Protein backbone atom coordinates (compact mmCIF):
# COMPACT_ATOMS: atom_id res chain seq x y z
CA MET A 1 -13.33 -13.17 5.40
CA GLU A 2 -12.28 -11.07 2.50
CA ASN A 3 -11.85 -12.98 -0.76
CA ASN A 4 -8.31 -12.32 -1.81
CA THR A 5 -8.09 -14.61 -4.78
CA GLU A 6 -10.53 -12.97 -7.13
CA THR A 7 -8.78 -10.83 -9.67
CA PRO A 8 -9.81 -8.74 -12.66
CA ALA A 9 -9.18 -10.07 -16.14
CA VAL A 10 -5.46 -9.80 -16.77
CA ARG A 11 -4.40 -7.39 -19.46
CA THR A 12 -1.80 -8.61 -21.86
CA ASN A 13 1.54 -6.88 -21.47
CA PHE A 14 5.08 -7.27 -22.77
CA ILE A 15 5.93 -9.77 -20.05
CA HIS A 16 3.09 -12.04 -21.11
CA GLU A 17 4.34 -11.77 -24.69
CA LEU A 18 7.86 -12.86 -23.62
CA ILE A 19 6.47 -15.78 -21.60
CA ASP A 20 4.22 -16.80 -24.51
CA LYS A 21 7.28 -16.84 -26.77
CA ASP A 22 9.21 -19.02 -24.28
CA ASN A 23 6.28 -21.42 -23.99
CA ALA A 24 5.92 -21.65 -27.75
CA SER A 25 9.62 -22.46 -28.13
CA GLY A 26 9.52 -25.10 -25.38
CA ARG A 27 11.94 -23.19 -23.15
CA PHE A 28 11.50 -24.19 -19.51
CA GLN A 29 9.35 -27.10 -20.77
CA GLY A 30 6.34 -24.82 -20.76
CA ARG A 31 6.71 -24.14 -16.99
CA VAL A 32 6.02 -20.70 -15.48
CA HIS A 33 7.45 -20.22 -12.02
CA THR A 34 7.78 -16.71 -10.49
CA ARG A 35 8.80 -15.35 -7.11
CA PHE A 36 8.67 -12.30 -4.87
CA PRO A 37 12.01 -11.79 -3.07
CA PRO A 38 11.74 -9.03 -0.42
CA GLU A 39 14.46 -8.17 2.06
CA PRO A 40 12.93 -8.33 5.59
CA ASN A 41 14.19 -4.84 6.56
CA GLY A 42 10.85 -3.07 6.69
CA TYR A 43 7.16 -3.26 5.92
CA LEU A 44 5.91 -3.75 2.36
CA HIS A 45 4.51 -0.71 0.52
CA ILE A 46 2.37 -0.09 -2.57
CA GLY A 47 5.36 -0.63 -4.88
CA HIS A 48 5.92 -4.08 -3.40
CA ALA A 49 2.20 -4.76 -3.76
CA THR A 50 2.52 -4.15 -7.50
CA SER A 51 5.33 -6.71 -7.72
CA ILE A 52 3.43 -9.29 -5.66
CA ILE A 53 0.27 -8.87 -7.72
CA LEU A 54 2.27 -9.03 -10.97
CA ASN A 55 4.29 -12.11 -10.07
CA SER A 56 1.51 -14.07 -8.40
CA GLY A 57 -0.93 -13.04 -11.13
CA ILE A 58 1.38 -14.33 -13.88
CA ALA A 59 1.76 -17.65 -12.10
CA ARG A 60 -2.04 -17.90 -11.68
CA HIS A 61 -2.65 -16.87 -15.30
CA TYR A 62 -0.38 -19.60 -16.65
CA GLY A 63 -1.29 -22.27 -14.14
CA GLY A 64 2.25 -22.03 -12.73
CA LYS A 65 3.84 -21.58 -9.32
CA PHE A 66 4.72 -18.59 -7.16
CA ASN A 67 7.38 -18.47 -4.40
CA LEU A 68 7.84 -16.15 -1.47
CA ARG A 69 11.55 -15.87 -0.74
CA PHE A 70 13.24 -13.66 1.83
CA ASP A 71 16.54 -12.21 0.63
CA ASP A 72 17.89 -12.13 4.19
CA THR A 73 21.54 -11.46 3.39
CA ASN A 74 22.04 -8.33 5.56
CA PRO A 75 21.59 -9.25 9.23
CA SER A 76 22.21 -5.74 10.52
CA LYS A 77 18.85 -4.48 9.18
CA GLU A 78 16.61 -7.56 9.21
CA GLU A 79 14.09 -8.58 11.87
CA GLN A 80 11.56 -11.35 12.43
CA GLU A 81 8.85 -8.67 12.86
CA TYR A 82 9.33 -7.75 9.20
CA VAL A 83 9.24 -11.40 8.15
CA ASP A 84 5.90 -11.91 9.86
CA SER A 85 4.32 -8.76 8.46
CA ILE A 86 5.50 -9.57 4.92
CA ILE A 87 4.01 -13.07 5.06
CA GLU A 88 0.67 -11.60 6.22
CA ASP A 89 0.69 -8.93 3.51
CA VAL A 90 1.56 -11.31 0.66
CA ARG A 91 -1.24 -13.69 1.66
CA TRP A 92 -3.73 -10.81 2.03
CA LEU A 93 -2.89 -9.63 -1.49
CA GLY A 94 -3.64 -13.06 -2.87
CA GLY A 95 -0.04 -14.19 -3.37
CA GLU A 96 -0.58 -17.86 -2.83
CA PHE A 97 2.82 -19.42 -2.29
CA GLU A 98 1.44 -22.61 -0.63
CA ASP A 99 4.43 -24.42 0.95
CA ARG A 100 7.00 -22.48 -1.10
CA LEU A 101 8.32 -20.18 1.60
CA PHE A 102 12.10 -19.86 1.29
CA PHE A 103 14.98 -17.95 2.79
CA ALA A 104 18.23 -17.00 1.04
CA SER A 105 19.95 -17.81 4.34
CA ASP A 106 19.05 -21.46 3.83
CA TYR A 107 21.28 -21.41 0.74
CA PHE A 108 24.35 -19.84 2.36
CA GLN A 109 26.39 -23.01 2.30
CA ARG A 110 25.58 -23.78 -1.34
CA MET A 111 26.43 -20.19 -2.28
CA TYR A 112 29.70 -20.40 -0.40
CA ASP A 113 30.58 -23.65 -2.17
CA TRP A 114 29.85 -22.06 -5.52
CA ALA A 115 32.09 -19.11 -4.60
CA VAL A 116 34.87 -21.59 -3.84
CA GLU A 117 34.24 -23.16 -7.27
CA LEU A 118 34.71 -19.75 -8.96
CA ILE A 119 37.94 -19.21 -7.03
CA LYS A 120 39.21 -22.57 -8.23
CA LYS A 121 38.36 -21.56 -11.82
CA GLY A 122 40.38 -18.36 -11.37
CA LYS A 123 37.20 -16.32 -11.63
CA ALA A 124 37.21 -14.78 -8.12
CA TYR A 125 39.73 -13.38 -5.70
CA VAL A 126 40.06 -11.96 -2.21
CA CYS A 127 40.64 -8.19 -2.24
CA ASP A 128 42.11 -6.08 0.57
CA LEU A 129 40.85 -2.74 -0.74
CA THR A 130 38.43 -0.81 1.44
CA PRO A 131 34.96 -0.08 0.07
CA ASP A 132 36.01 3.49 -0.79
CA GLN A 133 39.10 2.19 -2.62
CA VAL A 134 37.00 -0.33 -4.55
CA ARG A 135 34.83 2.53 -5.75
CA GLU A 136 37.87 4.62 -6.70
CA HIS A 137 39.33 1.74 -8.70
CA ARG A 138 36.07 1.07 -10.52
CA GLY A 139 36.49 4.15 -12.75
CA ALA A 140 33.66 5.91 -14.60
CA PRO A 141 31.48 5.36 -17.68
CA GLY A 142 33.72 5.54 -20.78
CA GLU A 143 36.76 5.44 -18.59
CA PRO A 144 38.41 2.09 -17.58
CA GLY A 145 38.97 1.17 -13.98
CA LYS A 146 42.16 0.07 -12.31
CA ASP A 147 43.02 -3.48 -11.33
CA SER A 148 43.14 -4.25 -7.63
CA PRO A 149 46.68 -4.95 -6.45
CA ASN A 150 45.27 -8.32 -5.18
CA ARG A 151 43.74 -9.34 -8.55
CA ASN A 152 46.51 -11.79 -9.42
CA ARG A 153 46.63 -13.70 -6.16
CA THR A 154 47.02 -17.43 -6.65
CA VAL A 155 44.07 -19.77 -6.40
CA GLU A 156 45.62 -21.29 -3.27
CA GLU A 157 46.09 -17.96 -1.59
CA ASN A 158 42.46 -16.93 -2.41
CA LEU A 159 41.06 -20.20 -1.09
CA ASP A 160 43.01 -19.82 2.16
CA LEU A 161 42.00 -16.21 2.66
CA PHE A 162 38.33 -16.87 1.84
CA GLU A 163 38.20 -19.70 4.36
CA ARG A 164 39.80 -17.51 6.99
CA MET A 165 37.27 -14.77 6.20
CA ARG A 166 34.50 -17.31 6.92
CA LYS A 167 36.18 -18.35 10.19
CA GLY A 168 36.08 -14.77 11.40
CA GLU A 169 39.78 -13.99 11.43
CA PHE A 170 39.36 -10.55 9.87
CA PRO A 171 37.40 -7.46 10.99
CA ASP A 172 34.38 -5.97 9.19
CA GLY A 173 35.18 -4.32 5.91
CA SER A 174 38.83 -5.45 5.81
CA ARG A 175 38.47 -7.84 2.92
CA THR A 176 35.96 -8.82 0.21
CA LEU A 177 35.60 -11.60 -2.31
CA ARG A 178 35.34 -10.17 -5.84
CA ALA A 179 34.50 -11.70 -9.19
CA LYS A 180 37.33 -11.45 -11.75
CA ILE A 181 35.66 -10.16 -14.92
CA ASP A 182 36.94 -7.01 -16.65
CA MET A 183 37.92 -3.70 -15.14
CA ALA A 184 37.49 -2.03 -18.54
CA HIS A 185 34.00 -3.34 -19.18
CA PRO A 186 31.61 -0.65 -20.44
CA ASN A 187 29.05 -1.82 -17.81
CA LEU A 188 30.41 -0.74 -14.40
CA ASN A 189 28.54 -3.59 -12.69
CA MET A 190 30.95 -5.99 -14.51
CA ARG A 191 34.07 -4.42 -13.19
CA ASP A 192 35.05 -7.07 -10.66
CA PRO A 193 31.97 -6.75 -8.47
CA VAL A 194 32.00 -7.70 -4.77
CA MET A 195 30.51 -11.13 -4.06
CA TYR A 196 31.05 -11.36 -0.28
CA ARG A 197 31.73 -8.89 2.54
CA ILE A 198 32.74 -9.46 6.14
CA LEU A 199 30.02 -8.63 8.68
CA HIS A 200 30.21 -9.80 12.27
CA ALA A 201 26.51 -9.58 13.11
CA GLU A 202 23.91 -12.01 14.47
CA HIS A 203 21.47 -13.21 11.80
CA HIS A 204 17.80 -13.46 12.68
CA ARG A 205 17.74 -17.13 11.54
CA GLN A 206 21.36 -18.25 11.34
CA GLY A 207 22.58 -16.67 14.56
CA LYS A 208 26.38 -16.29 14.57
CA LYS A 209 27.07 -19.16 12.16
CA TRP A 210 28.21 -16.81 9.43
CA CYS A 211 30.36 -13.69 9.29
CA VAL A 212 30.64 -13.44 5.51
CA TYR A 213 27.49 -12.52 3.67
CA PRO A 214 26.66 -12.62 -0.07
CA MET A 215 25.96 -9.49 -2.03
CA TYR A 216 22.63 -9.19 -3.76
CA ASP A 217 23.91 -9.62 -7.32
CA TRP A 218 25.76 -12.83 -6.38
CA ALA A 219 22.88 -14.29 -4.38
CA HIS A 220 19.92 -13.33 -6.51
CA GLY A 221 20.54 -15.47 -9.59
CA LEU A 222 21.67 -18.44 -7.54
CA GLU A 223 18.53 -18.33 -5.45
CA ASP A 224 16.40 -18.24 -8.63
CA SER A 225 18.38 -21.16 -10.03
CA ILE A 226 18.01 -23.30 -6.87
CA GLU A 227 14.28 -22.76 -6.84
CA GLY A 228 13.75 -23.47 -10.50
CA ILE A 229 12.36 -20.00 -11.21
CA THR A 230 11.63 -19.48 -14.92
CA HIS A 231 11.05 -15.75 -15.11
CA SER A 232 12.82 -13.56 -12.65
CA ILE A 233 10.85 -10.34 -12.84
CA CYS A 234 12.62 -7.22 -11.46
CA THR A 235 12.22 -3.49 -11.66
CA LEU A 236 14.05 -1.54 -14.34
CA GLU A 237 17.00 -0.45 -12.22
CA PHE A 238 18.21 -4.06 -12.40
CA GLU A 239 18.48 -4.08 -16.20
CA ASP A 240 22.16 -3.07 -16.05
CA HIS A 241 22.70 -5.86 -13.53
CA ARG A 242 21.30 -8.56 -15.90
CA PRO A 243 24.68 -9.21 -17.60
CA LEU A 244 26.16 -9.96 -14.19
CA TYR A 245 23.15 -12.19 -13.28
CA ASP A 246 23.80 -14.13 -16.52
CA TRP A 247 27.58 -14.20 -16.06
CA TYR A 248 27.49 -15.84 -12.60
CA LEU A 249 25.07 -18.56 -13.75
CA ASP A 250 26.98 -19.18 -16.97
CA GLN A 251 30.32 -19.48 -15.20
CA LEU A 252 28.89 -22.05 -12.82
CA GLY A 253 27.01 -23.92 -15.51
CA VAL A 254 23.81 -24.16 -13.43
CA TYR A 255 20.16 -23.85 -14.35
CA HIS A 256 19.55 -20.42 -15.87
CA PRO A 257 16.26 -18.47 -15.42
CA GLN A 258 15.39 -15.42 -17.53
CA GLN A 259 15.52 -12.01 -15.87
CA ILE A 260 12.89 -9.55 -17.14
CA GLU A 261 12.62 -5.92 -16.05
CA PHE A 262 9.62 -3.61 -15.82
CA ALA A 263 9.34 0.03 -14.84
CA ARG A 264 8.39 1.19 -11.38
CA ARG A 265 5.19 3.15 -11.16
CA THR A 266 5.13 5.38 -8.14
CA LEU A 267 2.09 6.88 -6.44
CA GLY A 268 1.63 10.63 -6.27
CA ASN A 269 1.70 12.50 -2.87
CA THR A 270 3.61 9.72 -1.16
CA ILE A 271 7.06 8.17 -0.77
CA THR A 272 8.14 4.57 -0.80
CA SER A 273 11.71 4.82 0.44
CA LYS A 274 11.98 2.33 3.34
CA ARG A 275 14.56 4.60 4.99
CA LYS A 276 12.26 7.58 4.86
CA LEU A 277 9.21 5.63 5.89
CA LEU A 278 11.16 4.34 8.91
CA GLU A 279 12.14 7.94 9.66
CA LEU A 280 8.47 9.01 9.65
CA VAL A 281 7.68 6.19 12.11
CA LYS A 282 10.62 6.82 14.44
CA ASP A 283 10.12 10.61 14.49
CA GLY A 284 6.45 10.28 15.33
CA HIS A 285 5.02 11.87 12.16
CA VAL A 286 2.80 8.80 11.92
CA GLU A 287 1.69 6.37 14.64
CA GLY A 288 3.40 3.32 13.10
CA TRP A 289 3.99 1.24 9.98
CA ASP A 290 0.27 0.53 9.78
CA ASP A 291 -0.82 4.16 10.15
CA PRO A 292 -3.64 4.54 7.54
CA ARG A 293 -1.80 7.45 5.94
CA MET A 294 1.25 5.28 5.17
CA PRO A 295 1.67 3.74 1.72
CA THR A 296 2.43 0.40 3.38
CA VAL A 297 0.27 -2.60 2.59
CA SER A 298 -0.58 -2.81 6.34
CA GLY A 299 -1.47 0.92 6.31
CA LEU A 300 -3.67 0.62 3.26
CA ARG A 301 -5.37 -2.45 4.78
CA ARG A 302 -6.06 -0.60 8.01
CA ARG A 303 -7.43 2.38 6.10
CA GLY A 304 -9.98 0.04 4.53
CA TYR A 305 -8.59 -0.77 1.10
CA THR A 306 -9.39 -4.24 -0.19
CA ALA A 307 -6.91 -6.55 -1.82
CA SER A 308 -9.11 -6.74 -4.89
CA SER A 309 -9.12 -2.94 -5.27
CA LEU A 310 -5.28 -2.92 -5.22
CA ARG A 311 -5.30 -5.59 -7.91
CA ALA A 312 -7.78 -3.54 -9.95
CA PHE A 313 -5.52 -0.52 -9.54
CA CYS A 314 -2.48 -2.46 -10.76
CA ASP A 315 -4.46 -3.68 -13.74
CA GLU A 316 -5.62 -0.18 -14.53
CA VAL A 317 -2.11 1.37 -14.55
CA GLY A 318 -0.66 -1.62 -16.36
CA ILE A 319 2.92 -2.89 -16.79
CA SER A 320 5.40 -1.24 -19.11
CA ARG A 321 9.11 -0.36 -19.44
CA VAL A 322 8.36 3.37 -19.04
CA PRO A 323 8.49 4.79 -15.49
CA GLY A 324 5.56 6.86 -14.38
CA VAL A 325 3.59 8.32 -11.56
CA SER A 326 -0.06 7.39 -10.86
CA ASP A 327 -2.33 9.91 -9.25
CA ILE A 328 -3.92 8.97 -5.95
CA TRP A 329 -7.40 9.33 -7.51
CA VAL A 330 -6.66 6.32 -9.75
CA LEU A 331 -6.13 4.18 -6.66
CA GLU A 332 -9.17 5.74 -4.93
CA ASN A 333 -11.40 5.12 -7.95
CA ALA A 334 -10.42 1.46 -8.00
CA LEU A 335 -11.79 1.21 -4.47
CA ARG A 336 -14.84 3.41 -5.07
CA GLY A 337 -15.94 1.22 -7.93
CA GLU A 338 -15.84 -1.87 -5.72
CA LEU A 339 -17.34 -0.37 -2.57
CA ASN A 340 -20.13 1.34 -4.44
CA ARG A 341 -21.33 -2.14 -5.37
CA THR A 342 -20.64 -3.91 -2.13
CA ALA A 343 -20.65 -1.58 0.87
CA PRO A 344 -23.85 -1.30 2.91
CA ARG A 345 -25.13 2.21 3.51
CA ALA A 346 -25.50 3.93 6.86
CA MET A 347 -26.14 7.43 8.07
CA ALA A 348 -23.60 9.26 10.16
CA VAL A 349 -23.30 12.93 11.13
CA LEU A 350 -19.70 13.96 11.60
CA ARG A 351 -20.18 17.58 12.73
CA PRO A 352 -23.60 17.61 14.36
CA LEU A 353 -26.09 20.48 14.30
CA LYS A 354 -29.33 19.87 16.23
CA VAL A 355 -32.59 20.24 14.39
CA VAL A 356 -35.89 20.39 16.34
CA LEU A 357 -39.09 19.50 14.48
CA THR A 358 -41.41 21.79 16.38
CA ASN A 359 -44.68 20.22 15.17
CA TYR A 360 -43.56 16.62 15.71
CA PRO A 361 -44.87 15.05 18.95
CA GLU A 362 -42.24 15.11 21.72
CA ASP A 363 -42.94 11.56 22.95
CA LYS A 364 -43.19 9.98 19.52
CA ALA A 365 -40.58 7.79 17.88
CA GLU A 366 -40.89 5.74 14.70
CA GLU A 367 -38.78 3.65 12.38
CA MET A 368 -37.96 4.62 8.84
CA GLU A 369 -37.13 2.07 6.18
CA ALA A 370 -33.80 2.79 4.50
CA VAL A 371 -32.22 1.02 1.54
CA ASN A 372 -29.05 -0.79 2.40
CA ASN A 373 -27.46 -0.55 -1.04
CA PRO A 374 -29.21 0.92 -4.09
CA GLU A 375 -26.73 -0.99 -6.31
CA ASP A 376 -27.74 -4.32 -4.82
CA ALA A 377 -31.42 -5.08 -4.42
CA SER A 378 -30.60 -8.31 -2.51
CA ALA A 379 -29.10 -6.21 0.30
CA GLY A 380 -32.62 -5.31 1.39
CA THR A 381 -33.54 -2.55 3.83
CA ARG A 382 -33.01 -1.61 7.45
CA LYS A 383 -35.00 0.20 10.12
CA VAL A 384 -33.69 3.63 11.25
CA PRO A 385 -35.20 5.34 14.31
CA PHE A 386 -36.65 8.83 13.99
CA CYS A 387 -37.88 11.39 16.56
CA ARG A 388 -38.51 15.05 17.24
CA GLU A 389 -34.85 16.01 17.59
CA ILE A 390 -32.33 15.00 14.98
CA TYR A 391 -28.76 15.84 13.99
CA ILE A 392 -27.70 17.01 10.58
CA GLU A 393 -24.31 17.95 9.21
CA ARG A 394 -23.37 21.49 10.11
CA ASP A 395 -22.26 21.98 6.47
CA ASP A 396 -25.81 21.14 5.36
CA PHE A 397 -27.18 24.36 6.82
CA MET A 398 -26.60 27.95 5.60
CA GLU A 399 -28.41 30.90 7.10
CA VAL A 400 -27.52 32.97 4.02
CA PRO A 401 -27.33 30.42 1.22
CA ALA A 402 -24.73 30.57 -1.49
CA LYS A 403 -25.70 30.19 -5.13
CA LYS A 404 -26.85 26.64 -5.98
CA PHE A 405 -27.03 25.67 -2.29
CA PHE A 406 -30.06 23.40 -2.04
CA ARG A 407 -29.72 22.04 1.45
CA MET A 408 -31.26 23.42 4.64
CA THR A 409 -31.73 27.20 4.72
CA PRO A 410 -34.46 29.46 6.17
CA GLY A 411 -37.76 29.30 4.32
CA GLN A 412 -36.60 26.43 2.05
CA GLU A 413 -37.81 22.83 2.05
CA VAL A 414 -35.38 19.99 2.11
CA ARG A 415 -35.82 16.19 2.14
CA LEU A 416 -34.55 14.12 5.01
CA ARG A 417 -33.33 10.85 3.48
CA ALA A 418 -35.98 8.07 3.89
CA ALA A 419 -37.96 10.29 6.34
CA TYR A 420 -39.87 13.58 5.73
CA ILE A 421 -39.78 16.85 3.93
CA VAL A 422 -38.97 19.63 6.41
CA LYS A 423 -38.86 23.42 6.26
CA CYS A 424 -36.51 25.68 8.24
CA GLU A 425 -38.55 28.19 10.30
CA LYS A 426 -36.17 29.53 12.96
CA VAL A 427 -32.50 29.73 13.85
CA VAL A 428 -31.17 29.70 17.45
CA LYS A 429 -27.81 31.35 18.13
CA ASP A 430 -25.49 31.72 21.11
CA ALA A 431 -24.18 34.99 22.54
CA ALA A 432 -21.38 34.98 19.92
CA GLY A 433 -23.82 34.70 17.08
CA ALA A 434 -23.03 31.07 16.21
CA VAL A 435 -25.91 28.82 15.14
CA THR A 436 -26.58 26.24 17.90
CA GLU A 437 -29.95 24.91 16.83
CA VAL A 438 -32.37 24.98 13.88
CA HIS A 439 -36.15 24.74 14.28
CA CYS A 440 -38.14 23.22 11.44
CA SER A 441 -41.63 22.04 10.66
CA TYR A 442 -42.20 18.68 9.05
CA ASP A 443 -44.89 17.62 6.59
CA PRO A 444 -46.55 14.43 8.03
CA ALA A 445 -47.88 13.56 4.55
CA THR A 446 -44.37 13.07 3.14
CA ARG A 447 -43.27 10.03 5.13
CA GLY A 448 -40.61 8.25 3.10
CA GLY A 449 -39.55 11.52 1.47
CA ASP A 450 -42.07 11.87 -1.35
CA ALA A 451 -44.64 14.68 -1.60
CA PRO A 452 -48.16 13.48 -2.46
CA ASP A 453 -48.88 16.77 -4.23
CA GLY A 454 -45.92 16.20 -6.59
CA ARG A 455 -43.92 19.24 -5.52
CA LYS A 456 -40.23 19.00 -6.36
CA ILE A 457 -37.65 19.14 -3.62
CA LYS A 458 -34.14 19.87 -4.87
CA GLY A 459 -32.14 18.94 -1.80
CA THR A 460 -31.82 15.70 0.17
CA ILE A 461 -29.71 15.42 3.33
CA HIS A 462 -28.90 12.68 5.80
CA TRP A 463 -29.67 12.77 9.50
CA VAL A 464 -29.45 10.82 12.76
CA SER A 465 -32.02 10.65 15.54
CA ALA A 466 -30.63 12.56 18.55
CA ARG A 467 -32.33 10.26 21.05
CA HIS A 468 -30.95 7.09 19.47
CA ALA A 469 -27.57 8.30 18.07
CA LEU A 470 -24.38 6.40 18.76
CA PRO A 471 -21.53 8.79 19.75
CA ALA A 472 -18.31 7.65 18.09
CA LYS A 473 -14.81 8.59 17.12
CA VAL A 474 -14.25 9.08 13.40
CA ARG A 475 -10.87 9.70 11.75
CA LEU A 476 -10.69 11.60 8.46
CA TYR A 477 -7.53 10.73 6.56
CA ASP A 478 -6.05 12.64 3.60
CA ALA A 479 -2.83 12.43 1.58
CA LEU A 480 0.29 12.36 3.76
CA PHE A 481 2.02 14.97 1.57
CA THR A 482 0.77 18.16 -0.04
CA VAL A 483 2.69 17.80 -3.31
CA ARG A 484 2.72 15.12 -5.99
CA ASP A 485 6.46 14.50 -5.64
CA PRO A 486 7.38 15.04 -1.95
CA GLU A 487 11.05 14.31 -2.54
CA ALA A 488 11.47 17.08 -5.15
CA VAL A 489 12.81 19.71 -2.74
CA PRO A 490 15.47 22.43 -3.31
CA GLU A 491 18.99 21.78 -2.00
CA GLY A 492 19.14 22.29 1.74
CA HIS A 493 15.51 21.47 2.25
CA ASP A 494 13.85 18.27 3.58
CA TYR A 495 11.03 16.20 2.12
CA LYS A 496 9.27 16.41 5.49
CA GLU A 497 8.56 20.09 4.77
CA ASN A 498 5.90 18.74 2.39
CA LEU A 499 4.04 16.79 5.05
CA ASN A 500 0.35 17.60 5.03
CA PRO A 501 -0.68 19.13 8.39
CA SER A 502 -4.29 18.14 7.58
CA SER A 503 -3.58 14.51 6.75
CA LEU A 504 -5.51 13.42 9.87
CA GLU A 505 -8.55 15.03 11.53
CA THR A 506 -10.01 13.16 14.52
CA LEU A 507 -13.68 13.83 15.32
CA ASP A 508 -14.70 12.70 18.79
CA GLY A 509 -18.29 13.95 18.67
CA ALA A 510 -19.67 12.21 15.57
CA MET A 511 -23.15 10.84 15.77
CA LEU A 512 -24.02 7.57 14.00
CA GLU A 513 -27.22 5.66 13.40
CA PRO A 514 -27.55 3.00 16.18
CA SER A 515 -27.17 -0.02 13.83
CA LEU A 516 -23.43 0.83 13.62
CA LYS A 517 -22.98 -0.03 17.29
CA ASP A 518 -22.62 -3.67 16.25
CA ALA A 519 -20.22 -2.97 13.34
CA ALA A 520 -17.54 -5.65 13.41
CA PRO A 521 -13.91 -4.54 13.29
CA GLY A 522 -12.84 -4.60 9.65
CA SER A 523 -16.33 -3.97 8.23
CA ARG A 524 -16.93 -1.34 5.55
CA PHE A 525 -19.77 1.10 5.04
CA GLN A 526 -20.73 4.01 2.88
CA PHE A 527 -21.70 6.82 5.19
CA GLU A 528 -24.27 8.39 2.95
CA ARG A 529 -23.10 11.55 1.18
CA LEU A 530 -19.76 11.44 3.10
CA GLY A 531 -17.62 8.62 1.84
CA TYR A 532 -16.55 5.08 2.56
CA PHE A 533 -15.56 4.20 6.15
CA PHE A 534 -13.83 1.26 7.79
CA ALA A 535 -14.23 0.01 11.36
CA ASP A 536 -10.62 0.12 12.62
CA PRO A 537 -9.57 -3.43 13.49
CA LYS A 538 -7.05 -2.17 16.03
CA ASP A 539 -8.91 0.45 18.03
CA SER A 540 -12.56 -0.64 17.76
CA ARG A 541 -14.17 -2.22 20.82
CA PRO A 542 -17.48 -4.11 21.27
CA GLY A 543 -20.22 -1.57 21.07
CA ALA A 544 -17.71 1.26 20.40
CA PRO A 545 -16.40 1.12 16.87
CA VAL A 546 -13.79 3.62 15.66
CA PHE A 547 -14.17 4.47 11.97
CA ASN A 548 -11.47 5.43 9.52
CA ARG A 549 -12.42 7.28 6.36
CA THR A 550 -11.01 5.21 3.53
CA VAL A 551 -11.95 7.45 0.63
CA THR A 552 -14.38 10.33 0.02
CA LEU A 553 -17.25 10.44 -2.38
CA LYS A 554 -17.20 12.79 -5.32
CA ASP A 555 -18.41 16.09 -3.98
CA SER A 556 -19.84 18.41 -6.63
CA TRP A 557 -20.61 21.08 -4.05
CA ALA A 558 -17.00 21.29 -2.90
CA LYS A 559 -15.95 21.92 -6.50
CA LEU A 560 -18.55 24.68 -6.85
CA GLU A 561 -17.47 26.18 -3.52
CA LYS A 562 -13.83 26.42 -4.72
CA LYS A 563 -14.92 28.41 -7.79
CA GLN A 564 -16.68 31.10 -5.75
């Protein structure tokens, strides 16, 4: 099983500095207790992964605690399926919450009682304005809002109406409970924000017990307080909400955590909007939430990313208060660095071209010794069968070679990895002039790939024995979108116009070395010269693995080809 607890050395950031200051002053008695509070209305994506890794990593760094808490306050969008997937993703990423799995819905009664307490203090009131009217009354920056006509209701009237709201006497959207703060406050979030709305919907855990549900700003701080969170770490868009977070806790006189904000860092050539990701799933642009092209944690996992590579990526981009975009290659390099050290090698031919070694005995077969991982001597070697007919990559042959092409071409010698030096002697074509077969001679004295006479061979290519090859399906994945910012579209256009039509290429006729027949679902390999591949845990079957390309290798030839 993958080790999900190992993590790179943590870089110091401004959040660590704030925590260090709190610990030095004795605030929170030296405790560090963080949380990850997702709403179960979709699958987690790379942005959520950053938060999980940050919060759980801080807790681990300081020897503290980490909670997983579901902010399940909107029953119309929440499902048990999402709860289950989130738990799996958090654990996979190394977010060890032990027995600290919590739900906001378990606190509904306590939140309601606290709301009653604010009403009794004259700090909350029931408002009859519609959502649109509430927005109209709020005003604008630099311009005061207007008081609700219900703002001066008596405490008794507010208590009665709030209780009747809970009992279900009023329809959806007809009334809200609002905090009474200041309709002229420079921060619009402080202009009598809504605390509760009426929503007659069945909750995935509470059923029909409730028909009034808390708003995020009301619930968030109370949940942190109940759980004894010390540092409530949020993204930067909640900075303007912090005064409200503080106001609620101060008015109630309850335990008060510290909210800290950091900037989101998005990933280029993708989107993380749950609404738009759901749209891609429902409209069939991807096969599901775990499609390997999706930026979801389950999609990245199915593509073959490791939890440790995602943690390395997060460490590389760092934490700051300045928003930014990280290029996909930063994420890919985090994985390449790990898999280069750990992934066993194998040979696979994705687009086969048959090569016949005309001077090799027809009935002969032998085994070549191939290195499993040149970066790890302890990985040893493996036996790879070899015979008269082999497959090579079609791209490794050119009848008329381009400049600096050192692979197979007429009259030129090339090395077969771990096998022999061969020379192209003849090309066989079909009626349309397409190359169907290449005839070569081999040098029996070069077994293993080295020439006894010391002659230099510039090119080395991989191969698979035709007689022993394992036919397999291989899926080549690329970025889901063609542009760095898919959502940056002119008015009247749709982000889906930027979908990459080449984000998936399925190859049904790939030929693999026979050892891969026993590849376990979820195992990783470097297909030599091609990239890193992952045995799909969903579609692989015993003896018939399906491989997903996780990430390519650096291809110097491709760069040269683009320049020509």
